[in-house]
C-alpha atoms as a PDB file:
ATOM      1  CA  MET A   1       0.094  -0.173  -0.065  1.00  0.00           C
ATOM      2  CA  ASN A   2       1.319   3.264  -0.656  1.00  0.00           C
ATOM      3  CA  ARG A   3       1.697   5.851   2.259  1.00  0.00           C
ATOM      4  CA  GLY A   4       1.885   9.323   2.498  1.00  0.00           C
ATOM      5  CA  PRO A   5      -0.804  12.505   1.390  1.00  0.00           C
ATOM      6  CA  ILE A   6      -3.041  12.055  -1.717  1.00  0.00           C
ATOM      7  CA  SER A   7      -1.260  11.757  -5.148  1.00  0.00           C
ATOM      8  CA  GLU A   8      -2.020  12.787  -8.716  1.00  0.00           C
ATOM      9  CA  ALA A   9      -2.121   9.082  -9.593  1.00  0.00           C
ATOM     10  CA  ASP A  10      -5.034   8.596  -6.737  1.00  0.00           C
ATOM     11  CA  ARG A  11      -7.033  11.744  -8.141  1.00  0.00           C
ATOM     12  CA  ILE A  12      -6.826  10.018 -11.742  1.00  0.00           C
ATOM     13  CA  LEU A  13      -8.219   6.826 -10.408  1.00  0.00           C
ATOM     14  CA  VAL A  14     -11.065   8.659  -8.535  1.00  0.00           C
ATOM     15  CA  LYS A  15     -11.896  10.551 -11.770  1.00  0.00           C
ATOM     16  CA  ARG A  16     -11.710   7.334 -13.948  1.00  0.00           C
ATOM     17  CA  TYR A  17     -13.885   5.411 -10.974  1.00  0.00           C
ATOM     18  CA  LEU A  18     -16.916   8.245 -11.479  1.00  0.00           C
ATOM     19  CA  VAL A  19     -16.193   8.677 -15.514  1.00  0.00           C
ATOM     20  CA  THR A  20     -16.781   4.993 -15.915  1.00  0.00           C
ATOM     21  CA  GLN A  21     -19.410   4.652 -13.757  1.00  0.00           C
ATOM     22  CA  MET A  22     -21.368   7.492 -16.105  1.00  0.00           C
ATOM     23  CA  VAL A  23     -20.062   5.381 -19.315  1.00  0.00           C
ATOM     24  CA  LEU A  24     -21.889   2.441 -17.753  1.00  0.00           C
ATOM     25  CA  ASP A  25     -25.122   4.629 -17.397  1.00  0.00           C
ATOM     26  CA  ALA A  26     -24.871   5.746 -20.894  1.00  0.00           C
ATOM     27  CA  PHE A  27     -24.387   2.566 -22.477  1.00  0.00           C
ATOM     28  CA  GLU A  28     -27.405   1.093 -20.570  1.00  0.00           C
ATOM     29  CA  ARG A  29     -29.316   4.316 -21.600  1.00  0.00           C
ATOM     30  CA  ASP A  30     -28.433   3.682 -25.212  1.00  0.00           C
ATOM     31  CA  LYS A  31     -29.080   0.079 -24.850  1.00  0.00           C
ATOM     32  CA  ARG A  32     -32.540   0.593 -23.684  1.00  0.00           C
ATOM     33  CA  HIS A  33     -33.085   2.965 -26.644  1.00  0.00           C
ATOM     34  CA  VAL A  34     -32.175   0.509 -29.145  1.00  0.00           C
ATOM     35  CA  GLN A  35     -34.254  -2.159 -27.790  1.00  0.00           C
ATOM     36  CA  THR A  36     -37.437   0.082 -27.315  1.00  0.00           C
ATOM     37  CA  PHE A  37     -37.574   2.325 -30.609  1.00  0.00           C
ATOM     38  CA  GLY A  38     -36.859  -0.153 -32.959  1.00  0.00           C
ATOM     39  CA  LEU A  39     -34.461   2.182 -34.868  1.00  0.00           C
ATOM     40  CA  PHE A  40     -32.680  -0.595 -36.455  1.00  0.00           C
ATOM     41  CA  LYS A  41     -33.565  -3.821 -38.551  1.00  0.00           C
ATOM     42  CA  SER A  42     -31.017  -6.151 -36.680  1.00  0.00           C
ATOM     43  CA  PRO A  43     -30.875  -4.470 -32.867  1.00  0.00           C
ATOM     44  CA  GLN A  44     -29.537  -7.521 -31.630  1.00  0.00           C
ATOM     45  CA  LEU A  45     -26.044  -6.496 -33.282  1.00  0.00           C
ATOM     46  CA  TYR A  46     -25.952  -3.148 -31.765  1.00  0.00           C
ATOM     47  CA  THR A  47     -27.160  -4.167 -28.301  1.00  0.00           C
ATOM     48  CA  ASP A  48     -24.293  -7.359 -28.226  1.00  0.00           C
ATOM     49  CA  LEU A  49     -22.003  -4.513 -28.931  1.00  0.00           C
ATOM     50  CA  ILE A  50     -22.841  -2.413 -26.439  1.00  0.00           C
ATOM     51  CA  ASP A  51     -22.901  -5.474 -23.925  1.00  0.00           C
ATOM     52  CA  LYS A  52     -19.367  -6.410 -25.001  1.00  0.00           C
ATOM     53  CA  ALA A  53     -18.245  -2.448 -24.244  1.00  0.00           C
ATOM     54  CA  MET A  54     -20.059  -2.688 -20.932  1.00  0.00           C
ATOM     55  CA  ASP A  55     -18.276  -5.794 -20.081  1.00  0.00           C
ATOM     56  CA  ASP A  56     -15.029  -4.254 -20.309  1.00  0.00           C
ATOM     57  CA  ALA A  57     -16.327  -1.196 -18.538  1.00  0.00           C
ATOM     58  CA  ILE A  58     -17.043  -3.431 -15.666  1.00  0.00           C
ATOM     59  CA  LYS A  59     -13.598  -4.813 -16.331  1.00  0.00           C
ATOM     60  CA  GLU A  60     -12.195  -1.503 -15.913  1.00  0.00           C
ATOM     61  CA  LEU A  61     -14.316  -0.679 -12.629  1.00  0.00           C
ATOM     62  CA  THR A  62     -13.007  -3.844 -11.036  1.00  0.00           C
ATOM     63  CA  ARG A  63      -9.608  -3.100 -11.567  1.00  0.00           C
ATOM     64  CA  VAL A  64     -10.069   0.581 -10.210  1.00  0.00           C
ATOM     65  CA  ARG A  65     -11.895  -0.812  -7.305  1.00  0.00           C
ATOM     66  CA  LYS A  66      -8.935  -3.248  -6.584  1.00  0.00           C
ATOM     67  CA  ALA A  67      -6.237  -0.041  -7.031  1.00  0.00           C
ATOM     68  CA  PHE A  68      -8.699   1.696  -4.380  1.00  0.00           C
ATOM     69  CA  ARG A  69      -8.255  -1.395  -1.976  1.00  0.00           C
ATOM     70  CA  ASN A  70      -4.180  -1.518  -2.925  1.00  0.00           C
ATOM     71  CA  ARG A  71      -4.023   2.386  -2.254  1.00  0.00           C
ATOM     72  CA  GLY A  72      -6.463   2.674   0.473  1.00  0.00           C
ATOM     73  CA  ILE A  73      -8.925   5.044  -1.366  1.00  0.00           C
ATOM     74  CA  LYS A  74     -12.646   4.976  -0.489  1.00  0.00           C
ATOM     75  CA  VAL A  75     -15.250   7.240  -2.115  1.00  0.00           C
ATOM     76  CA  TYR A  76     -18.110   7.995   0.322  1.00  0.00           C
ATOM     77  CA  ASP A  77     -20.150  10.920  -1.234  1.00  0.00           C
ATOM     78  CA  GLU A  78     -20.983  11.280  -4.678  1.00  0.00           C
ATOM     79  CA  HIS A  79     -23.731  13.503  -6.206  1.00  0.00           C
ATOM     80  CA  ARG A  80     -24.145  15.252  -9.696  1.00  0.00           C
ATOM     81  CA  THR A  81     -24.918  19.045  -9.810  1.00  0.00           C
ATOM     82  CA  ALA A  82     -25.822  21.334 -12.611  1.00  0.00           C
ATOM     83  CA  LYS A  83     -22.290  22.400 -13.393  1.00  0.00           C
ATOM     84  CA  GLY A  84     -20.915  18.712 -13.033  1.00  0.00           C
ATOM     85  CA  ALA A  85     -19.997  15.765 -10.900  1.00  0.00           C
ATOM     86  CA  GLU A  86     -18.968  16.072  -7.183  1.00  0.00           C
ATOM     87  CA  ALA A  87     -17.302  13.404  -4.781  1.00  0.00           C
ATOM     88  CA  LYS A  88     -15.785  13.062  -1.348  1.00  0.00           C
ATOM     89  CA  TYR A  89     -13.167  10.547  -0.768  1.00  0.00           C
ATOM     90  CA  MET A  90     -10.799   9.347   1.540  1.00  0.00           C
ATOM     91  CA  CYS A  91      -7.347   8.410   0.952  1.00  0.00           C
ATOM     92  CA  ARG A  92      -4.948   6.829   3.565  1.00  0.00           C
ATOM     93  CA  GLY A  93      -6.780   8.944   6.102  1.00  0.00           C
ATOM     94  CA  TYR A  94      -6.787  12.281   4.026  1.00  0.00           C
ATOM     95  CA  HIS A  95     -10.416  13.412   3.543  1.00  0.00           C
ATOM     96  CA  SER A  96     -10.404  15.160  -0.017  1.00  0.00           C
ATOM     97  CA  ASP A  97     -13.121  16.041  -2.747  1.00  0.00           C
ATOM     98  CA  ILE A  98     -13.149  16.125  -6.297  1.00  0.00           C
ATOM     99  CA  SER A  99     -15.599  18.287  -8.779  1.00  0.00           C
ATOM    100  CA  MET A 100     -15.354  17.990 -12.475  1.00  0.00           C
ATOM    101  CA  LEU A 101     -17.710  19.883 -14.798  1.00  0.00           C
ATOM    102  CA  TRP A 102     -20.203  18.320 -17.268  1.00  0.00           C
ATOM    103  CA  SER A 103     -17.396  19.410 -20.474  1.00  0.00           C
ATOM    104  CA  PHE A 104     -14.480  17.451 -18.869  1.00  0.00           C
ATOM    105  CA  ILE A 105     -16.939  14.300 -18.093  1.00  0.00           C
ATOM    106  CA  THR A 106     -18.439  14.393 -21.534  1.00  0.00           C
ATOM    107  CA  ALA A 107     -14.589  14.643 -23.360  1.00  0.00           C
ATOM    108  CA  GLU A 108     -13.457  11.846 -20.938  1.00  0.00           C
ATOM    109  CA  ALA A 109     -16.736   9.693 -21.386  1.00  0.00           C
ATOM    110  CA  VAL A 110     -16.336   9.821 -25.563  1.00  0.00           C
ATOM    111  CA  ILE A 111     -12.913   8.754 -25.126  1.00  0.00           C
ATOM    112  CA  LEU A 112     -13.514   5.878 -22.628  1.00  0.00           C
ATOM    113  CA  MET A 113     -16.679   4.756 -24.666  1.00  0.00           C
ATOM    114  CA  ARG A 114     -14.664   4.373 -27.871  1.00  0.00           C
ATOM    115  CA  LEU A 115     -11.858   2.610 -26.119  1.00  0.00           C
ATOM    116  CA  PHE A 116     -14.589   0.345 -24.646  1.00  0.00           C
ATOM    117  CA  LEU A 117     -16.198  -0.307 -28.057  1.00  0.00           C
ATOM    118  CA  GLY A 118     -12.776  -0.813 -29.615  1.00  0.00           C
ATOM    119  CA  LEU A 119     -12.795   2.281 -31.721  1.00  0.00           C
ATOM    120  CA  ASP A 120      -9.736   4.113 -32.874  1.00  0.00           C
ATOM    121  CA  ILE A 121      -9.456   7.590 -30.567  1.00  0.00           C
ATOM    122  CA  LYS A 122      -6.549   9.255 -32.675  1.00  0.00           C
ATOM    123  CA  ASN A 123      -8.845  11.807 -34.243  1.00  0.00           C
ATOM    124  CA  TYR A 124      -9.458  13.214 -30.431  1.00  0.00           C
ATOM    125  CA  ILE A 125      -5.900  14.019 -29.858  1.00  0.00           C
ATOM    126  CA  HIS A 126      -5.807  17.651 -30.335  1.00  0.00           C
ATOM    127  CA  ALA A 127      -3.143  18.310 -33.046  1.00  0.00           C
ATOM    128  CA  SER A 128      -1.209  21.295 -30.648  1.00  0.00           C
ATOM    129  CA  VAL A 129      -0.202  18.166 -28.383  1.00  0.00           C
ATOM    130  CA  PRO A 130       3.448  17.360 -28.930  1.00  0.00           C
ATOM    131  CA  GLU A 131       3.861  14.311 -30.848  1.00  0.00           C
ATOM    132  CA  GLU A 132       6.062  12.991 -27.558  1.00  0.00           C
ATOM    133  CA  MET A 133       2.797  13.490 -25.905  1.00  0.00           C
ATOM    134  CA  ARG A 134       0.492  11.880 -28.222  1.00  0.00           C
ATOM    135  CA  GLU A 135      -0.105   8.566 -26.075  1.00  0.00           C
ATOM    136  CA  GLU A 136      -3.369   6.461 -26.121  1.00  0.00           C
ATOM    137  CA  PRO A 137      -4.957   6.684 -22.621  1.00  0.00           C
ATOM    138  CA  ILE A 138      -4.469   3.295 -20.995  1.00  0.00           C
ATOM    139  CA  LEU A 139      -7.327   1.351 -19.228  1.00  0.00           C
ATOM    140  CA  PHE A 140      -6.426   0.262 -16.067  1.00  0.00           C
ATOM    141  CA  SER A 141      -7.839  -2.722 -16.863  1.00  0.00           C
ATOM    142  CA  ARG A 142      -5.241  -3.520 -19.745  1.00  0.00           C
ATOM    143  CA  ASN A 143      -2.536  -2.149 -17.348  1.00  0.00           C
ATOM    144  CA  ASP A 144      -0.888  -3.234 -14.014  1.00  0.00           C
ATOM    145  CA  ASN A 145       0.860  -0.045 -13.474  1.00  0.00           C
ATOM    146  CA  MET A 146      -2.031   1.576 -11.130  1.00  0.00           C
ATOM    147  CA  ARG A 147      -1.992  -1.306  -8.608  1.00  0.00           C
END
């Protein structure tokens, strides 16, 4: 277990946890729309794709929760506001809070959803970002570095 005050890696985990939960909610809503409104001739194909993406999102949440246990993190209060989402959490005895604007959440969620769907995200990396920093975001479920 890590010792000391809350690190940037701890904050990233809390953000990923919150955004991934919202992504799961969005996938669930989208799946209901596909099933309910009959927009497609073959809705089962699309719901299967959403189910696969949801499975990957659940795996991601599982890995993040495991990292929470290893790092001594516990989110104990979450709520959504008109401006975004807020959460209170404890990390190794230190209490903190985090707030994210909807614009940030939306941008993060779109990228995560594309990753869970197996789609390319290179078009979402702004051209002004230096080449050495144009790294694809890593899902914790595909990376053991966040233990």
